């Protein structure tokens, strides 16, 4: 079991969850898995996706603000998808019963 692809992800501040859809390596292109994981659970695994100290590019964000205003000012805008995949792989290895069943779409 390994995450092959992130289809979408959203950090929901209201529910304090990571809303995510993804595929495993053994899932077909017609299958998708969806889950909600509490942000507090993510932090217990040592991940802090809203910490901007890593690869935050101040110049790039200032350029976007100048061109588009603050509509792109998001605390999760510099997330590396590989980090999310790493977290999910760890999370589902430790908690295999939490792995969602595939849905067809």
C-alpha atoms as a PDB file:
ATOM      1  CA  UNK A   1       0.000   0.000   0.000  1.00  0.00           C
ATOM      2  CA  UNK A   2       1.507   3.269  -1.113  1.00  0.00           C
ATOM      3  CA  UNK A   3       0.019   6.576  -2.158  1.00  0.00           C
ATOM      4  CA  UNK A   4       0.448   6.981  -5.910  1.00  0.00           C
ATOM      5  CA  UNK A   5      -1.243  10.317  -6.470  1.00  0.00           C
ATOM      6  CA  UNK A   6      -2.873  13.180  -4.628  1.00  0.00           C
ATOM      7  CA  UNK A   7      -6.015  14.098  -6.511  1.00  0.00           C
ATOM      8  CA  UNK A   8      -6.917  17.012  -4.249  1.00  0.00           C
ATOM      9  CA  UNK A   9      -6.375  18.307  -0.752  1.00  0.00           C
ATOM     10  CA  UNK A  10      -7.810  21.115   1.297  1.00  0.00           C
ATOM     11  CA  UNK A  11      -6.949  22.315   4.787  1.00  0.00           C
ATOM     12  CA  UNK A  12     -10.359  23.030   6.280  1.00  0.00           C
ATOM     13  CA  UNK A  13      -9.872  25.611   9.029  1.00  0.00           C
ATOM     14  CA  UNK A  14     -13.502  25.383  10.133  1.00  0.00           C
ATOM     15  CA  UNK A  15     -13.400  21.661  10.900  1.00  0.00           C
ATOM     16  CA  UNK A  16      -9.636  21.596  11.592  1.00  0.00           C
ATOM     17  CA  UNK A  17      -9.157  18.758   9.114  1.00  0.00           C
ATOM     18  CA  UNK A  18      -7.201  17.860   6.029  1.00  0.00           C
ATOM     19  CA  UNK A  19      -9.790  16.899   3.410  1.00  0.00           C
ATOM     20  CA  UNK A  20      -8.018  14.733   0.884  1.00  0.00           C
ATOM     21  CA  UNK A  21      -8.627  12.528  -2.130  1.00  0.00           C
ATOM     22  CA  UNK A  22      -5.952  10.201  -3.454  1.00  0.00           C
ATOM     23  CA  UNK A  23      -5.100   6.956  -5.214  1.00  0.00           C
ATOM     24  CA  UNK A  24      -2.988   4.028  -4.104  1.00  0.00           C
ATOM     25  CA  UNK A  25      -0.529   2.310  -6.419  1.00  0.00           C
ATOM     26  CA  UNK A  26      -2.954  -0.599  -6.842  1.00  0.00           C
ATOM     27  CA  UNK A  27      -6.015   1.617  -7.539  1.00  0.00           C
ATOM     28  CA  UNK A  28      -7.233   2.027 -11.094  1.00  0.00           C
ATOM     29  CA  UNK A  29      -7.723   5.429 -12.735  1.00  0.00           C
ATOM     30  CA  UNK A  30     -11.461   5.036 -12.117  1.00  0.00           C
ATOM     31  CA  UNK A  31     -11.020   4.659  -8.362  1.00  0.00           C
ATOM     32  CA  UNK A  32     -10.501   7.361  -5.778  1.00  0.00           C
ATOM     33  CA  UNK A  33     -10.249   7.408  -1.987  1.00  0.00           C
ATOM     34  CA  UNK A  34     -11.455  10.280   0.184  1.00  0.00           C
ATOM     35  CA  UNK A  35     -10.669  10.968   3.823  1.00  0.00           C
ATOM     36  CA  UNK A  36     -10.680  13.659   6.495  1.00  0.00           C
ATOM     37  CA  UNK A  37      -7.817  13.685   8.979  1.00  0.00           C
ATOM     38  CA  UNK A  38      -7.743  15.990  11.971  1.00  0.00           C
ATOM     39  CA  UNK A  39      -4.923  18.544  11.924  1.00  0.00           C
ATOM     40  CA  UNK A  40      -4.066  17.607  15.511  1.00  0.00           C
ATOM     41  CA  UNK A  41      -3.498  14.008  14.355  1.00  0.00           C
ATOM     42  CA  UNK A  42      -1.128  15.250  11.652  1.00  0.00           C
ATOM     43  CA  UNK A  43       0.906  17.130  14.255  1.00  0.00           C
ATOM     44  CA  UNK A  44       1.237  13.983  16.408  1.00  0.00           C
ATOM     45  CA  UNK A  45       3.089  12.444  13.456  1.00  0.00           C
ATOM     46  CA  UNK A  46       5.540  15.361  13.489  1.00  0.00           C
ATOM     47  CA  UNK A  47       4.158  17.215  10.468  1.00  0.00           C
ATOM     48  CA  UNK A  48       3.183  20.887  10.613  1.00  0.00           C
ATOM     49  CA  UNK A  49       1.941  21.882   7.186  1.00  0.00           C
ATOM     50  CA  UNK A  50       1.116  25.462   8.173  1.00  0.00           C
ATOM     51  CA  UNK A  51       4.680  26.220   9.304  1.00  0.00           C
ATOM     52  CA  UNK A  52       6.056  28.676   6.733  1.00  0.00           C
ATOM     53  CA  UNK A  53       9.667  28.573   7.874  1.00  0.00           C
ATOM     54  CA  UNK A  54      10.696  25.897   5.360  1.00  0.00           C
ATOM     55  CA  UNK A  55      10.658  26.971   1.716  1.00  0.00           C
ATOM     56  CA  UNK A  56       8.646  30.157   2.047  1.00  0.00           C
ATOM     57  CA  UNK A  57       9.455  32.540  -0.774  1.00  0.00           C
ATOM     58  CA  UNK A  58       8.650  36.054   0.451  1.00  0.00           C
ATOM     59  CA  UNK A  59       9.464  37.730  -2.872  1.00  0.00           C
ATOM     60  CA  UNK A  60       7.141  35.443  -4.848  1.00  0.00           C
ATOM     61  CA  UNK A  61       4.227  36.038  -2.468  1.00  0.00           C
ATOM     62  CA  UNK A  62       4.796  39.803  -2.500  1.00  0.00           C
ATOM     63  CA  UNK A  63       4.744  39.685  -6.299  1.00  0.00           C
ATOM     64  CA  UNK A  64       1.405  37.817  -6.241  1.00  0.00           C
ATOM     65  CA  UNK A  65       0.006  40.300  -3.712  1.00  0.00           C
ATOM     66  CA  UNK A  66       1.063  43.213  -5.915  1.00  0.00           C
ATOM     67  CA  UNK A  67      -0.525  41.666  -8.996  1.00  0.00           C
ATOM     68  CA  UNK A  68      -3.652  40.028  -7.544  1.00  0.00           C
ATOM     69  CA  UNK A  69      -4.113  41.559  -4.102  1.00  0.00           C
ATOM     70  CA  UNK A  70      -4.271  39.336  -1.042  1.00  0.00           C
ATOM     71  CA  UNK A  71      -6.619  36.765  -2.535  1.00  0.00           C
ATOM     72  CA  UNK A  72      -3.731  34.275  -2.732  1.00  0.00           C
ATOM     73  CA  UNK A  73      -2.500  34.861   0.812  1.00  0.00           C
ATOM     74  CA  UNK A  74      -3.040  31.400   2.234  1.00  0.00           C
ATOM     75  CA  UNK A  75      -1.131  29.937   5.128  1.00  0.00           C
ATOM     76  CA  UNK A  76      -0.891  26.600   3.293  1.00  0.00           C
ATOM     77  CA  UNK A  77       0.250  27.986  -0.053  1.00  0.00           C
ATOM     78  CA  UNK A  78       3.776  26.618   0.125  1.00  0.00           C
ATOM     79  CA  UNK A  79       2.975  22.995   0.988  1.00  0.00           C
ATOM     80  CA  UNK A  80       5.073  20.343  -0.687  1.00  0.00           C
ATOM     81  CA  UNK A  81       2.755  17.565  -1.908  1.00  0.00           C
ATOM     82  CA  UNK A  82       5.531  15.018  -1.335  1.00  0.00           C
ATOM     83  CA  UNK A  83       5.333  15.848   2.382  1.00  0.00           C
ATOM     84  CA  UNK A  84       1.592  15.156   2.375  1.00  0.00           C
ATOM     85  CA  UNK A  85       2.186  11.842   0.593  1.00  0.00           C
ATOM     86  CA  UNK A  86       4.879  10.927   3.134  1.00  0.00           C
ATOM     87  CA  UNK A  87       2.520  11.700   5.987  1.00  0.00           C
ATOM     88  CA  UNK A  88      -0.313   9.676   4.435  1.00  0.00           C
ATOM     89  CA  UNK A  89       1.938   6.672   3.852  1.00  0.00           C
ATOM     90  CA  UNK A  90       3.039   6.737   7.496  1.00  0.00           C
ATOM     91  CA  UNK A  91      -0.474   7.381   8.776  1.00  0.00           C
ATOM     92  CA  UNK A  92      -2.072   4.478   6.923  1.00  0.00           C
ATOM     93  CA  UNK A  93       0.762   2.058   7.742  1.00  0.00           C
ATOM     94  CA  UNK A  94       0.258   2.752  11.443  1.00  0.00           C
ATOM     95  CA  UNK A  95      -3.552   2.970  11.157  1.00  0.00           C
ATOM     96  CA  UNK A  96      -4.519   0.519   8.378  1.00  0.00           C
ATOM     97  CA  UNK A  97      -8.128   0.384   9.582  1.00  0.00           C
ATOM     98  CA  UNK A  98      -8.447   4.121   8.766  1.00  0.00           C
ATOM     99  CA  UNK A  99      -7.645   3.590   5.084  1.00  0.00           C
ATOM    100  CA  UNK A 100     -10.804   4.518   3.160  1.00  0.00           C
ATOM    101  CA  UNK A 101     -12.284   2.098   0.668  1.00  0.00           C
ATOM    102  CA  UNK A 102     -12.031   3.106  -2.991  1.00  0.00           C
ATOM    103  CA  UNK A 103     -15.009   4.735  -4.676  1.00  0.00           C
ATOM    104  CA  UNK A 104     -15.610   4.749  -8.405  1.00  0.00           C
ATOM    105  CA  UNK A 105     -16.032   8.061 -10.137  1.00  0.00           C
END
